N, C-alpha and C. Protein backbone atom coordinates (compact mmCIF):
# COMPACT_ATOMS: atom_id res chain seq x y z
N MET A 1 -10.80 -1.80 -14.93
CA MET A 1 -11.82 -2.71 -14.02
C MET A 1 -11.79 -2.63 -12.63
N ILE A 2 -10.63 -2.28 -12.02
CA ILE A 2 -10.61 -2.07 -10.70
C ILE A 2 -10.83 -0.54 -10.47
N GLY A 3 -11.89 -0.45 -9.32
CA GLY A 3 -12.32 0.82 -8.85
C GLY A 3 -11.29 1.29 -7.79
N TYR A 4 -11.04 0.51 -6.69
CA TYR A 4 -10.23 0.75 -5.71
C TYR A 4 -9.89 -0.43 -4.90
N THR A 5 -8.89 -0.66 -4.13
CA THR A 5 -8.63 -1.63 -3.16
C THR A 5 -8.84 -1.09 -1.84
N SER A 6 -9.01 -2.06 -0.98
CA SER A 6 -9.36 -1.46 0.42
C SER A 6 -8.48 -2.51 1.45
N LEU A 7 -7.79 -2.01 2.47
CA LEU A 7 -7.46 -2.82 3.46
C LEU A 7 -7.76 -2.25 4.75
N GLY A 8 -7.92 -3.29 5.72
CA GLY A 8 -8.73 -2.93 7.02
C GLY A 8 -7.50 -2.42 7.97
N THR A 9 -7.97 -1.66 8.86
CA THR A 9 -6.97 -0.96 9.91
C THR A 9 -7.53 -0.95 11.16
N ASN A 10 -7.02 -1.15 12.35
CA ASN A 10 -7.46 -1.01 13.56
C ASN A 10 -6.93 0.24 14.24
N ASP A 11 -6.44 1.18 13.59
CA ASP A 11 -5.63 2.28 14.02
C ASP A 11 -5.77 3.24 12.70
N LEU A 12 -6.57 4.17 12.35
CA LEU A 12 -6.90 5.01 11.11
C LEU A 12 -5.96 6.16 11.16
N LYS A 13 -5.51 6.59 12.28
CA LYS A 13 -4.53 7.80 12.34
C LYS A 13 -3.10 7.13 12.07
N ARG A 14 -2.78 5.98 12.69
CA ARG A 14 -1.42 5.34 12.32
C ARG A 14 -1.28 4.96 10.69
N SER A 15 -2.41 4.26 10.33
CA SER A 15 -2.42 3.97 9.04
C SER A 15 -2.46 5.35 7.95
N ALA A 16 -3.32 6.26 8.30
CA ALA A 16 -3.06 7.55 7.65
C ALA A 16 -1.50 8.13 7.36
N ALA A 17 -0.86 8.01 8.64
CA ALA A 17 0.58 8.73 8.57
C ALA A 17 1.52 7.89 7.82
N PHE A 18 1.28 6.43 7.87
CA PHE A 18 2.05 5.59 6.93
C PHE A 18 1.73 5.57 5.66
N TYR A 19 0.45 5.56 5.11
CA TYR A 19 0.09 5.67 3.75
C TYR A 19 0.32 7.14 3.07
N ASP A 20 0.13 8.26 3.92
CA ASP A 20 0.47 9.38 3.64
C ASP A 20 1.80 9.63 2.95
N GLU A 21 2.60 8.94 3.54
CA GLU A 21 4.11 9.25 3.22
C GLU A 21 4.54 8.39 1.98
N LEU A 22 3.97 7.09 2.01
CA LEU A 22 4.47 6.13 1.05
C LEU A 22 3.70 6.38 -0.17
N LEU A 23 2.34 6.75 -0.30
CA LEU A 23 1.61 6.93 -1.29
C LEU A 23 2.13 8.41 -2.06
N SER A 24 2.42 9.30 -1.45
CA SER A 24 2.97 10.66 -1.67
C SER A 24 4.03 10.46 -2.65
N MET A 25 4.93 9.44 -2.25
CA MET A 25 6.15 9.11 -3.15
C MET A 25 5.68 8.36 -4.63
N LEU A 26 4.50 7.98 -4.64
CA LEU A 26 4.00 7.60 -6.11
C LEU A 26 3.00 8.71 -6.70
N GLY A 27 3.05 9.77 -5.99
CA GLY A 27 2.14 11.00 -6.58
C GLY A 27 0.79 11.03 -6.07
N ALA A 28 0.35 10.02 -5.27
CA ALA A 28 -0.93 9.99 -5.04
C ALA A 28 -1.03 10.92 -3.64
N SER A 29 -2.48 11.34 -3.45
CA SER A 29 -2.96 12.12 -2.31
C SER A 29 -4.45 11.66 -1.95
N ARG A 30 -4.60 12.18 -0.59
CA ARG A 30 -5.88 11.85 0.05
C ARG A 30 -7.22 12.41 -1.07
N LEU A 31 -7.92 11.71 -1.62
CA LEU A 31 -8.96 12.12 -2.44
C LEU A 31 -10.30 12.09 -1.50
N MET A 32 -10.38 11.41 -0.65
CA MET A 32 -11.67 11.35 0.29
C MET A 32 -11.34 10.91 1.79
N GLU A 33 -12.27 11.39 2.67
CA GLU A 33 -11.67 10.99 3.98
C GLU A 33 -12.97 11.26 5.02
N MET A 34 -13.42 10.02 5.65
CA MET A 34 -14.55 10.09 6.34
C MET A 34 -13.92 9.73 7.86
N SER A 35 -14.76 9.49 8.90
CA SER A 35 -14.35 9.14 9.98
C SER A 35 -13.69 7.64 10.30
N ASP A 36 -14.00 6.83 9.23
CA ASP A 36 -13.65 5.44 9.45
C ASP A 36 -12.95 4.97 8.00
N PHE A 37 -12.61 5.89 7.34
CA PHE A 37 -11.84 5.38 6.04
C PHE A 37 -10.92 6.69 5.39
N ILE A 38 -10.14 6.32 4.67
CA ILE A 38 -9.33 7.45 3.77
C ILE A 38 -9.13 6.64 2.37
N VAL A 39 -9.30 7.44 1.37
CA VAL A 39 -8.97 6.98 -0.06
C VAL A 39 -7.89 7.84 -0.45
N TRP A 40 -6.93 7.25 -0.95
CA TRP A 40 -5.70 7.93 -1.96
C TRP A 40 -5.96 7.63 -3.37
N GLY A 41 -5.38 8.48 -4.27
CA GLY A 41 -5.39 8.12 -5.66
C GLY A 41 -4.73 9.44 -6.28
N HIS A 42 -4.88 9.27 -7.71
CA HIS A 42 -4.26 10.39 -8.50
C HIS A 42 -5.42 11.28 -8.93
N GLU A 43 -6.66 10.59 -9.13
CA GLU A 43 -7.87 11.23 -9.41
C GLU A 43 -9.11 10.41 -9.24
N GLN A 44 -10.30 10.98 -8.93
CA GLN A 44 -11.51 10.42 -8.46
C GLN A 44 -11.93 9.25 -9.33
N ASN A 45 -12.02 9.39 -10.65
CA ASN A 45 -12.09 8.33 -11.84
C ASN A 45 -11.18 7.32 -12.14
N ALA A 46 -10.29 7.04 -11.38
CA ALA A 46 -9.15 6.08 -11.75
C ALA A 46 -9.14 5.21 -10.34
N PRO A 47 -8.48 4.19 -10.64
CA PRO A 47 -8.22 3.26 -9.42
C PRO A 47 -7.53 3.78 -8.31
N CYS A 48 -8.08 3.46 -6.93
CA CYS A 48 -7.54 4.28 -5.99
C CYS A 48 -7.27 2.99 -4.87
N PHE A 49 -6.84 3.64 -3.62
CA PHE A 49 -6.28 2.84 -2.64
C PHE A 49 -7.00 3.47 -1.21
N SER A 50 -7.52 2.59 -0.43
CA SER A 50 -7.99 3.04 0.64
C SER A 50 -7.96 2.02 2.00
N VAL A 51 -7.88 2.63 3.06
CA VAL A 51 -7.82 1.87 4.32
C VAL A 51 -9.22 2.24 5.16
N HIS A 52 -9.69 1.06 5.69
CA HIS A 52 -10.97 1.10 6.56
C HIS A 52 -10.88 0.59 7.71
N VAL A 53 -11.59 1.23 8.69
CA VAL A 53 -12.12 0.52 10.01
C VAL A 53 -13.21 -0.32 9.66
N PRO A 54 -13.12 -1.71 10.12
CA PRO A 54 -14.43 -2.49 9.68
C PRO A 54 -15.41 -2.12 10.24
N ILE A 55 -16.50 -2.15 9.16
CA ILE A 55 -17.90 -1.57 9.55
C ILE A 55 -18.63 -2.44 10.64
N ASP A 56 -18.33 -3.82 10.67
CA ASP A 56 -19.00 -4.74 11.69
C ASP A 56 -18.51 -4.39 13.13
N GLY A 57 -17.37 -3.41 13.28
CA GLY A 57 -17.19 -3.35 14.62
C GLY A 57 -16.13 -4.43 15.21
N GLN A 58 -15.69 -5.43 14.36
CA GLN A 58 -14.90 -6.40 14.84
C GLN A 58 -13.21 -6.01 14.23
N PRO A 59 -12.48 -6.53 14.88
CA PRO A 59 -11.10 -6.08 14.77
C PRO A 59 -10.73 -6.39 13.29
N ALA A 60 -9.84 -5.47 12.58
CA ALA A 60 -9.43 -5.84 11.32
C ALA A 60 -8.36 -6.81 11.41
N CYS A 61 -8.37 -7.63 10.53
CA CYS A 61 -7.38 -9.08 10.48
C CYS A 61 -6.84 -9.24 8.99
N VAL A 62 -5.61 -9.74 8.94
CA VAL A 62 -5.13 -9.96 7.59
C VAL A 62 -5.69 -11.29 6.86
N GLY A 63 -6.09 -11.27 5.65
CA GLY A 63 -6.42 -12.22 4.95
C GLY A 63 -5.42 -13.04 4.41
N ASN A 64 -5.17 -14.42 4.56
CA ASN A 64 -4.22 -15.22 4.18
C ASN A 64 -4.23 -15.23 2.66
N GLY A 65 -3.03 -14.98 2.01
CA GLY A 65 -2.94 -14.79 0.41
C GLY A 65 -3.55 -13.47 -0.20
N VAL A 66 -3.98 -12.66 0.81
CA VAL A 66 -4.36 -11.22 0.12
C VAL A 66 -3.16 -10.50 0.25
N MET A 67 -3.06 -9.70 -1.17
CA MET A 67 -2.00 -8.73 -1.36
C MET A 67 -2.24 -7.81 -2.23
N VAL A 68 -2.08 -6.42 -2.06
CA VAL A 68 -2.33 -5.44 -2.78
C VAL A 68 -0.89 -4.94 -3.75
N ALA A 69 -0.82 -4.85 -5.02
CA ALA A 69 0.09 -4.67 -5.67
C ALA A 69 0.17 -3.27 -6.11
N LEU A 70 1.11 -2.43 -5.90
CA LEU A 70 1.09 -1.00 -6.36
C LEU A 70 2.30 -0.79 -7.36
N THR A 71 2.01 -0.17 -8.51
CA THR A 71 3.09 0.11 -9.49
C THR A 71 3.76 1.37 -9.46
N ALA A 72 5.20 0.94 -9.43
CA ALA A 72 5.94 2.06 -9.28
C ALA A 72 6.67 2.36 -10.79
N ALA A 73 7.17 3.66 -11.01
CA ALA A 73 7.74 4.16 -12.25
C ALA A 73 8.85 3.52 -12.66
N ASN A 74 9.92 2.94 -11.50
CA ASN A 74 11.09 2.43 -11.78
C ASN A 74 11.60 1.78 -10.90
N ILE A 75 13.01 1.16 -10.83
CA ILE A 75 13.62 0.37 -9.85
C ILE A 75 13.99 1.30 -8.75
N ALA A 76 14.38 2.49 -8.88
CA ALA A 76 14.61 3.41 -7.76
C ALA A 76 13.56 3.69 -6.93
N GLU A 77 12.41 3.76 -7.52
CA GLU A 77 11.33 4.13 -6.87
C GLU A 77 10.70 2.93 -5.86
N VAL A 78 10.88 1.76 -6.45
CA VAL A 78 10.38 0.58 -5.61
C VAL A 78 11.41 0.47 -4.42
N ASP A 79 12.69 0.63 -4.67
CA ASP A 79 13.86 0.42 -3.56
C ASP A 79 13.49 1.73 -2.68
N ALA A 80 13.14 2.85 -2.96
CA ALA A 80 12.89 3.98 -2.02
C ALA A 80 11.59 3.59 -1.16
N ILE A 81 10.64 3.29 -1.75
CA ILE A 81 9.36 2.99 -1.17
C ILE A 81 9.38 2.11 -0.24
N HIS A 82 9.98 0.84 -0.69
CA HIS A 82 10.12 -0.28 0.19
C HIS A 82 11.06 0.19 1.51
N ALA A 83 12.06 0.78 1.37
CA ALA A 83 12.88 1.44 2.29
C ALA A 83 12.11 2.22 3.30
N LYS A 84 11.09 3.05 2.81
CA LYS A 84 10.44 4.00 3.49
C LYS A 84 9.27 3.09 4.28
N SER A 85 8.69 2.24 3.64
CA SER A 85 8.04 1.45 4.67
C SER A 85 8.38 0.89 5.83
N LEU A 86 9.67 0.35 5.57
CA LEU A 86 10.34 0.00 6.86
C LEU A 86 10.67 0.95 8.19
N GLU A 87 11.09 2.04 7.54
CA GLU A 87 11.32 3.12 8.41
C GLU A 87 10.17 3.63 9.01
N LEU A 88 8.91 3.57 8.35
CA LEU A 88 7.73 3.93 8.99
C LEU A 88 7.06 2.88 9.84
N GLY A 89 7.76 1.67 9.92
CA GLY A 89 6.92 0.77 10.96
C GLY A 89 6.54 -0.59 10.13
N GLY A 90 6.69 -0.65 8.89
CA GLY A 90 6.29 -1.74 8.05
C GLY A 90 7.37 -2.90 8.32
N ALA A 91 6.86 -4.03 7.82
CA ALA A 91 7.97 -5.30 7.96
C ALA A 91 8.29 -5.78 6.62
N ASP A 92 9.47 -6.13 6.49
CA ASP A 92 10.08 -6.67 5.15
C ASP A 92 9.26 -8.14 4.94
N GLU A 93 8.78 -8.05 3.70
CA GLU A 93 8.41 -9.49 3.51
C GLU A 93 8.90 -10.13 1.87
N GLY A 94 10.05 -9.52 1.69
CA GLY A 94 10.84 -9.76 0.36
C GLY A 94 11.50 -8.70 -0.20
N LYS A 95 12.83 -8.46 0.19
CA LYS A 95 13.66 -7.32 -0.41
C LYS A 95 13.56 -7.14 -1.71
N PRO A 96 13.60 -5.77 -2.38
CA PRO A 96 13.37 -5.45 -3.67
C PRO A 96 14.50 -6.20 -4.43
N GLY A 97 13.99 -6.70 -5.61
CA GLY A 97 15.09 -7.18 -6.49
C GLY A 97 14.19 -7.93 -7.77
N PRO A 98 14.92 -8.39 -8.78
CA PRO A 98 14.39 -9.22 -9.84
C PRO A 98 13.66 -10.39 -9.31
N ARG A 99 12.44 -10.67 -10.06
CA ARG A 99 11.62 -11.92 -9.84
C ARG A 99 11.47 -12.58 -11.04
N GLY A 100 12.23 -13.63 -11.38
CA GLY A 100 12.39 -14.35 -12.77
C GLY A 100 13.02 -13.76 -13.60
N ASP A 101 12.85 -13.87 -14.84
CA ASP A 101 13.70 -13.25 -15.99
C ASP A 101 12.72 -12.63 -17.05
N SER A 102 11.66 -12.04 -16.50
CA SER A 102 10.63 -11.16 -17.24
C SER A 102 10.93 -9.87 -17.18
N GLY A 103 11.84 -9.23 -16.38
CA GLY A 103 12.07 -7.99 -16.25
C GLY A 103 11.10 -7.43 -14.98
N PHE A 104 10.41 -8.24 -14.34
CA PHE A 104 9.65 -7.89 -13.16
C PHE A 104 10.51 -7.72 -11.87
N TYR A 105 10.42 -6.41 -11.36
CA TYR A 105 11.29 -5.98 -10.12
C TYR A 105 10.28 -5.59 -9.17
N ALA A 106 10.44 -6.30 -7.89
CA ALA A 106 9.47 -6.04 -6.80
C ALA A 106 10.05 -6.06 -5.42
N GLY A 107 9.40 -5.44 -4.50
CA GLY A 107 9.69 -5.53 -3.13
C GLY A 107 8.43 -5.78 -2.40
N TYR A 108 8.68 -6.45 -1.31
CA TYR A 108 7.31 -6.94 -0.56
C TYR A 108 7.50 -6.50 0.78
N PHE A 109 6.29 -5.87 1.38
CA PHE A 109 6.32 -5.39 2.91
C PHE A 109 4.90 -5.81 3.62
N ARG A 110 4.96 -5.48 4.70
CA ARG A 110 3.54 -5.26 5.44
C ARG A 110 3.29 -4.12 6.18
N ASP A 111 2.32 -3.66 6.27
CA ASP A 111 1.92 -2.34 6.71
C ASP A 111 1.89 -2.66 8.37
N PRO A 112 1.70 -1.55 9.31
CA PRO A 112 1.76 -1.71 10.49
C PRO A 112 0.56 -2.54 11.21
N ASP A 113 -0.49 -2.71 10.27
CA ASP A 113 -1.56 -3.60 10.49
C ASP A 113 -1.45 -5.14 10.13
N GLY A 114 -0.33 -5.26 9.38
CA GLY A 114 0.01 -6.67 9.08
C GLY A 114 -0.51 -6.88 7.46
N ASN A 115 -1.01 -5.95 6.82
CA ASN A 115 -1.55 -6.31 5.56
C ASN A 115 -0.26 -6.36 4.65
N LYS A 116 -0.24 -7.18 3.62
CA LYS A 116 0.77 -7.38 2.80
C LYS A 116 0.77 -6.48 1.44
N LEU A 117 1.79 -5.76 1.11
CA LEU A 117 1.55 -5.01 -0.09
C LEU A 117 2.91 -5.49 -0.84
N ASN A 118 2.99 -4.98 -2.27
CA ASN A 118 3.98 -5.26 -3.16
C ASN A 118 3.91 -4.05 -4.03
N LEU A 119 5.20 -3.57 -4.14
CA LEU A 119 5.44 -2.50 -5.03
C LEU A 119 6.39 -2.98 -6.17
N HIS A 120 6.16 -2.75 -7.44
CA HIS A 120 6.82 -3.47 -8.57
C HIS A 120 6.88 -2.49 -9.77
N CYS A 121 7.82 -2.77 -10.57
CA CYS A 121 8.00 -2.07 -12.02
C CYS A 121 8.37 -3.30 -12.88
N MET A 122 8.45 -2.87 -14.12
CA MET A 122 9.00 -3.52 -15.09
C MET A 122 10.14 -3.09 -15.66
N GLY A 123 11.49 -3.76 -15.03
CA GLY A 123 12.51 -2.87 -15.25
C GLY A 123 13.30 -2.87 -16.49
């Protein structure tokens, strides 16, 4: 059902460097690139992730309650990517660990623009 998710950025070059590293750890690569956006994914006809400079010319801002959740293969991948996000200038929003007793394991972080993301797996 989901074609792609998109987050705003005020610095496409900085976002590109941040997400190139993180998303490559999930096996994703750039699928499309224009002067105001970049799309990453595994293939064109599958759900993708993108960052965009706002088309209206206004600054990108963070939506309260908005979060993009990315799926990891396992707990080690959640831990590694969460750590890499902090190394690349992201901010911690919840250290990786189990959430509840359903086997859901997640780490939360914000990218350099302040967008909130979750990386999770079913452990």
